[in-house]
Amino acid sequence: MSERMRYITLATSLPYLGRLFAKADIPISRFRLEQRLGMLTPGHRRLLDRVIQVTAWAGVAPLQDDKQIISLARSVIDDLSDHPDLQHLVSGRMETRTLMAALRRRRDGQQTPGDVDSWGYGRWNSAIAANWSDQAFGLGHFMPWIAKANQAMLAGDHLSVERTALTEVIRQIDHYGQNHAFDFEAVVIYVLKWTVFARWAAYSQDKAAQRLSGLIDAVLATAPDLPGGPVRVPAEELSS
């Protein structure tokens, strides 16, 4: 099978993901997705894994500090020299992560940004440093989502923060996805989008379990005393 036919077959086997936030279920499981990805060449599979490693939180969580994450991102971008749109996607994801990190640092009371290059990546480091006190770091005129995320973060509205950040990530993915349909880039873009959907699904399930646990606690707190004391149901059992 030619490479072009391989990617046509693979791309057409991947179901439409729909709109983020529209429904809780993802139309293809991780297991089924991995089966489809078995059609990738070893070299392309390695590149895909590298992209997912640096863009997914689970991939960078084992790293010890921001400098290691930045170094990994630069290495992955170098590996993608034959795929400029994927380079732009990884860079954009890192820049979004940097802006979110800056918002959290400021919310947590950091009075100055410090050496932004030591913990941030990309084009907006100098803007962050120069406009630390501005709610959108001087970038709000063309990235209004920053101010929206800032307001939600200060209000403690974690759900809105997550929705705002993921909406921006999906916007970036869809922008570059318009240029690709039946090639390696299209497959990587699909998997990147799938990981965002999976993250939101997991986040929604965790929140639902927490709400249900809270309701049970409230009911038990007003119920007559039972032999053996109050019953507690761990949230992880509710979400299983």
Protein backbone atom coordinates (compact mmCIF):
# COMPACT_ATOMS: atom_id res chain seq x y z
CA MET A 1 0.00 0.00 0.00
CA SER A 2 1.37 3.42 -0.94
CA GLU A 3 1.88 6.01 1.80
CA ARG A 4 -0.86 8.22 0.34
CA MET A 5 -3.36 5.34 0.29
CA ARG A 6 -2.29 4.37 3.81
CA TYR A 7 -3.19 7.82 5.12
CA ILE A 8 -6.43 8.02 3.14
CA THR A 9 -7.46 4.69 4.69
CA LEU A 10 -6.39 5.77 8.18
CA ALA A 11 -7.96 9.23 8.05
CA THR A 12 -11.30 7.97 6.74
CA SER A 13 -11.44 5.37 9.53
CA LEU A 14 -11.39 8.06 12.24
CA PRO A 15 -14.88 9.20 13.31
CA TYR A 16 -15.85 12.86 13.50
CA LEU A 17 -15.24 14.08 17.03
CA GLY A 18 -17.98 16.69 17.05
CA ARG A 19 -17.86 19.90 19.04
CA LEU A 20 -16.02 20.26 22.31
CA PHE A 21 -18.36 20.55 25.34
CA ALA A 22 -21.34 19.37 23.23
CA LYS A 23 -21.43 15.85 24.68
CA ALA A 24 -19.62 13.82 27.30
CA ASP A 25 -18.85 10.73 25.25
CA ILE A 26 -15.94 10.51 22.80
CA PRO A 27 -16.89 8.66 19.58
CA ILE A 28 -13.75 6.51 19.59
CA SER A 29 -12.05 4.92 22.59
CA ARG A 30 -8.34 5.08 23.28
CA PHE A 31 -8.10 1.37 22.50
CA ARG A 32 -9.78 1.74 19.09
CA LEU A 33 -7.72 4.81 18.30
CA GLU A 34 -4.51 2.93 19.07
CA GLN A 35 -5.65 0.16 16.73
CA ARG A 36 -6.08 2.66 13.90
CA LEU A 37 -2.72 4.25 14.61
CA GLY A 38 -1.09 0.88 14.00
CA MET A 39 -1.12 1.89 10.33
CA LEU A 40 1.51 4.56 10.94
CA THR A 41 5.09 3.92 9.89
CA PRO A 42 7.50 3.49 12.83
CA GLY A 43 9.09 6.87 12.11
CA HIS A 44 5.78 8.69 12.02
CA ARG A 45 4.58 6.89 15.14
CA ARG A 46 7.69 8.07 16.97
CA LEU A 47 7.03 11.66 15.88
CA LEU A 48 3.39 11.43 16.94
CA ASP A 49 4.38 10.14 20.36
CA ARG A 50 6.87 13.00 20.75
CA VAL A 51 4.22 15.59 19.87
CA ILE A 52 1.74 14.09 22.33
CA GLN A 53 4.40 13.88 25.03
CA VAL A 54 5.17 17.58 24.94
CA THR A 55 1.60 18.83 24.45
CA ALA A 56 -0.25 16.61 26.94
CA TRP A 57 0.00 17.30 30.67
CA ALA A 58 0.59 13.63 31.43
CA GLY A 59 3.59 13.70 29.10
CA VAL A 60 5.40 16.57 30.81
CA ALA A 61 4.31 15.81 34.39
CA PRO A 62 7.31 13.49 35.05
CA LEU A 63 9.77 16.26 34.13
CA GLN A 64 11.34 18.02 37.07
CA ASP A 65 11.13 21.68 36.06
CA ASP A 66 10.11 24.18 33.39
CA LYS A 67 13.54 24.22 31.78
CA GLN A 68 13.25 20.52 30.97
CA ILE A 69 9.83 21.06 29.39
CA ILE A 70 11.16 23.94 27.29
CA SER A 71 14.14 21.85 26.21
CA LEU A 72 11.83 18.98 25.24
CA ALA A 73 9.62 21.33 23.21
CA ARG A 74 12.58 22.68 21.26
CA SER A 75 13.79 19.15 20.57
CA VAL A 76 10.36 18.06 19.31
CA ILE A 77 10.06 21.14 17.09
CA ASP A 78 13.47 20.38 15.60
CA ASP A 79 12.31 16.83 14.85
CA LEU A 80 9.30 18.25 12.98
CA SER A 81 11.38 20.16 10.44
CA ASP A 82 9.56 18.40 7.58
CA HIS A 83 6.16 19.33 9.02
CA PRO A 84 6.00 23.12 9.56
CA ASP A 85 2.32 23.20 10.49
CA LEU A 86 2.98 20.74 13.31
CA GLN A 87 5.89 22.92 14.41
CA HIS A 88 3.50 25.87 14.62
CA LEU A 89 0.98 23.78 16.56
CA VAL A 90 3.53 22.67 19.16
CA SER A 91 4.85 26.23 19.49
CA GLY A 92 1.33 27.59 19.87
CA ARG A 93 0.47 25.03 22.52
CA MET A 94 3.61 25.91 24.47
CA GLU A 95 2.84 29.62 24.22
CA THR A 96 -0.70 29.04 25.49
CA ARG A 97 0.71 27.02 28.37
CA THR A 98 3.13 29.87 29.14
CA LEU A 99 0.33 32.44 29.23
CA MET A 100 -1.73 30.24 31.55
CA ALA A 101 1.31 29.73 33.79
CA ALA A 102 1.83 33.50 33.92
CA LEU A 103 -1.79 34.04 34.98
CA ARG A 104 -1.43 31.47 37.75
CA ARG A 105 1.85 32.94 38.99
CA ARG A 106 0.33 36.40 39.20
CA ARG A 107 -2.84 35.10 40.87
CA ASP A 108 -0.70 33.34 43.47
CA GLY A 109 0.86 36.66 44.44
CA GLN A 110 4.04 36.84 42.37
CA GLN A 111 4.72 40.58 42.18
CA THR A 112 7.13 40.42 39.24
CA PRO A 113 7.50 37.90 36.43
CA GLY A 114 11.17 37.21 37.12
CA ASP A 115 13.14 35.71 34.27
CA VAL A 116 10.28 34.68 31.98
CA ASP A 117 12.65 32.85 29.64
CA SER A 118 13.48 30.44 32.47
CA TRP A 119 9.88 29.25 32.83
CA GLY A 120 8.13 30.36 29.64
CA TYR A 121 8.35 29.61 25.95
CA GLY A 122 7.73 31.57 22.80
CA ARG A 123 6.85 34.92 21.30
CA TRP A 124 5.03 36.42 24.27
CA ASN A 125 7.75 36.20 26.92
CA SER A 126 8.81 39.82 26.46
CA ALA A 127 5.19 41.03 26.51
CA ILE A 128 4.58 39.14 29.75
CA ALA A 129 7.67 40.70 31.31
CA ALA A 130 6.84 44.23 30.13
CA ASN A 131 3.11 44.14 30.99
CA TRP A 132 2.95 42.01 34.12
CA SER A 133 0.28 44.16 35.76
CA ASP A 134 -2.01 44.24 32.71
CA GLN A 135 -4.72 41.58 32.96
CA ALA A 136 -3.86 40.24 29.48
CA PHE A 137 -0.16 41.19 29.44
CA GLY A 138 -0.82 43.77 26.74
CA LEU A 139 -2.08 41.08 24.36
CA GLY A 140 -5.82 41.35 24.95
CA HIS A 141 -6.55 43.27 21.75
CA PHE A 142 -5.95 40.15 19.67
CA MET A 143 -6.16 37.40 22.30
CA PRO A 144 -9.27 38.26 24.34
CA TRP A 145 -9.31 34.79 25.86
CA ILE A 146 -6.42 35.78 28.19
CA ALA A 147 -8.50 38.39 30.03
CA LYS A 148 -11.43 35.97 30.19
CA ALA A 149 -9.22 33.27 31.72
CA ASN A 150 -7.75 35.80 34.15
CA GLN A 151 -11.18 36.90 35.38
CA ALA A 152 -12.34 33.31 35.83
CA MET A 153 -9.12 32.40 37.64
CA LEU A 154 -9.43 35.32 40.06
CA ALA A 155 -13.06 34.35 40.72
CA GLY A 156 -12.02 30.77 41.49
CA ASP A 157 -14.15 29.50 38.61
CA HIS A 158 -11.98 26.52 37.66
CA LEU A 159 -14.54 25.18 35.19
CA SER A 160 -14.50 28.42 33.17
CA VAL A 161 -10.71 28.53 33.26
CA GLU A 162 -10.53 25.02 31.84
CA ARG A 163 -13.16 25.72 29.18
CA THR A 164 -11.44 28.94 28.10
CA ALA A 165 -8.00 27.33 27.79
CA LEU A 166 -9.29 24.27 25.93
CA THR A 167 -11.36 26.43 23.57
CA GLU A 168 -8.21 28.31 22.58
CA VAL A 169 -6.30 25.06 22.07
CA ILE A 170 -9.06 23.69 19.82
CA ARG A 171 -9.10 26.96 17.85
CA GLN A 172 -5.38 26.54 17.13
CA ILE A 173 -5.81 22.89 16.16
CA ASP A 174 -8.73 23.63 13.84
CA HIS A 175 -6.83 26.48 12.20
CA TYR A 176 -4.05 24.18 11.00
CA GLY A 177 -6.43 21.29 10.44
CA GLN A 178 -7.98 23.19 7.53
CA ASN A 179 -4.78 22.61 5.54
CA HIS A 180 -4.69 18.82 5.92
CA ALA A 181 -7.05 15.94 5.19
CA PHE A 182 -5.28 12.71 4.18
CA ASP A 183 -1.70 13.02 5.38
CA PHE A 184 0.44 12.52 8.47
CA GLU A 185 -0.33 16.02 9.70
CA ALA A 186 -4.07 15.28 9.56
CA VAL A 187 -3.60 12.22 11.77
CA VAL A 188 -1.50 14.10 14.34
CA ILE A 189 -4.04 16.94 14.38
CA TYR A 190 -6.85 14.42 14.96
CA VAL A 191 -4.99 12.81 17.87
CA LEU A 192 -4.21 16.22 19.39
CA LYS A 193 -7.89 17.08 19.21
CA TRP A 194 -8.85 13.70 20.67
CA THR A 195 -6.58 14.31 23.69
CA VAL A 196 -8.37 17.61 24.36
CA PHE A 197 -11.76 15.89 24.19
CA ALA A 198 -10.49 13.14 26.50
CA ARG A 199 -9.16 15.70 28.98
CA TRP A 200 -12.50 17.49 29.10
CA ALA A 201 -14.38 14.20 29.49
CA ALA A 202 -12.16 13.21 32.41
CA TYR A 203 -12.49 16.67 33.97
CA SER A 204 -16.28 16.55 33.64
CA GLN A 205 -16.44 13.08 35.21
CA ASP A 206 -14.28 14.20 38.14
CA LYS A 207 -16.49 17.24 38.73
CA ALA A 208 -19.65 15.13 38.52
CA ALA A 209 -18.22 12.67 41.05
CA GLN A 210 -17.30 15.52 43.39
CA ARG A 211 -20.80 17.02 43.12
CA LEU A 212 -22.44 13.65 43.81
CA SER A 213 -20.14 13.03 46.77
CA GLY A 214 -21.07 16.46 48.14
CA LEU A 215 -24.78 15.73 47.77
CA ILE A 216 -24.40 12.41 49.58
CA ASP A 217 -22.46 14.09 52.40
CA ALA A 218 -25.18 16.74 52.70
CA VAL A 219 -27.93 14.11 52.90
CA LEU A 220 -26.03 12.03 55.44
CA ALA A 221 -25.33 15.09 57.56
CA THR A 222 -29.08 15.65 58.02
CA ALA A 223 -30.06 11.98 58.32
CA PRO A 224 -30.69 10.22 61.65
CA ASP A 225 -27.62 8.67 63.24
CA LEU A 226 -26.93 5.19 61.92
CA PRO A 227 -25.16 2.36 63.74
CA GLY A 228 -21.45 2.52 63.07
CA GLY A 229 -21.31 6.26 62.37
CA PRO A 230 -21.61 8.23 59.13
CA VAL A 231 -20.98 6.57 55.81
CA ARG A 232 -18.44 8.10 53.42
CA VAL A 233 -18.29 7.17 49.76
CA PRO A 234 -14.93 7.94 48.12
CA ALA A 235 -15.24 10.07 44.97
CA GLU A 236 -13.13 7.62 43.01
CA GLU A 237 -15.72 4.90 43.64
CA LEU A 238 -18.47 7.17 42.38
CA SER A 239 -16.62 7.76 39.13
CA SER A 240 -15.73 4.14 38.45
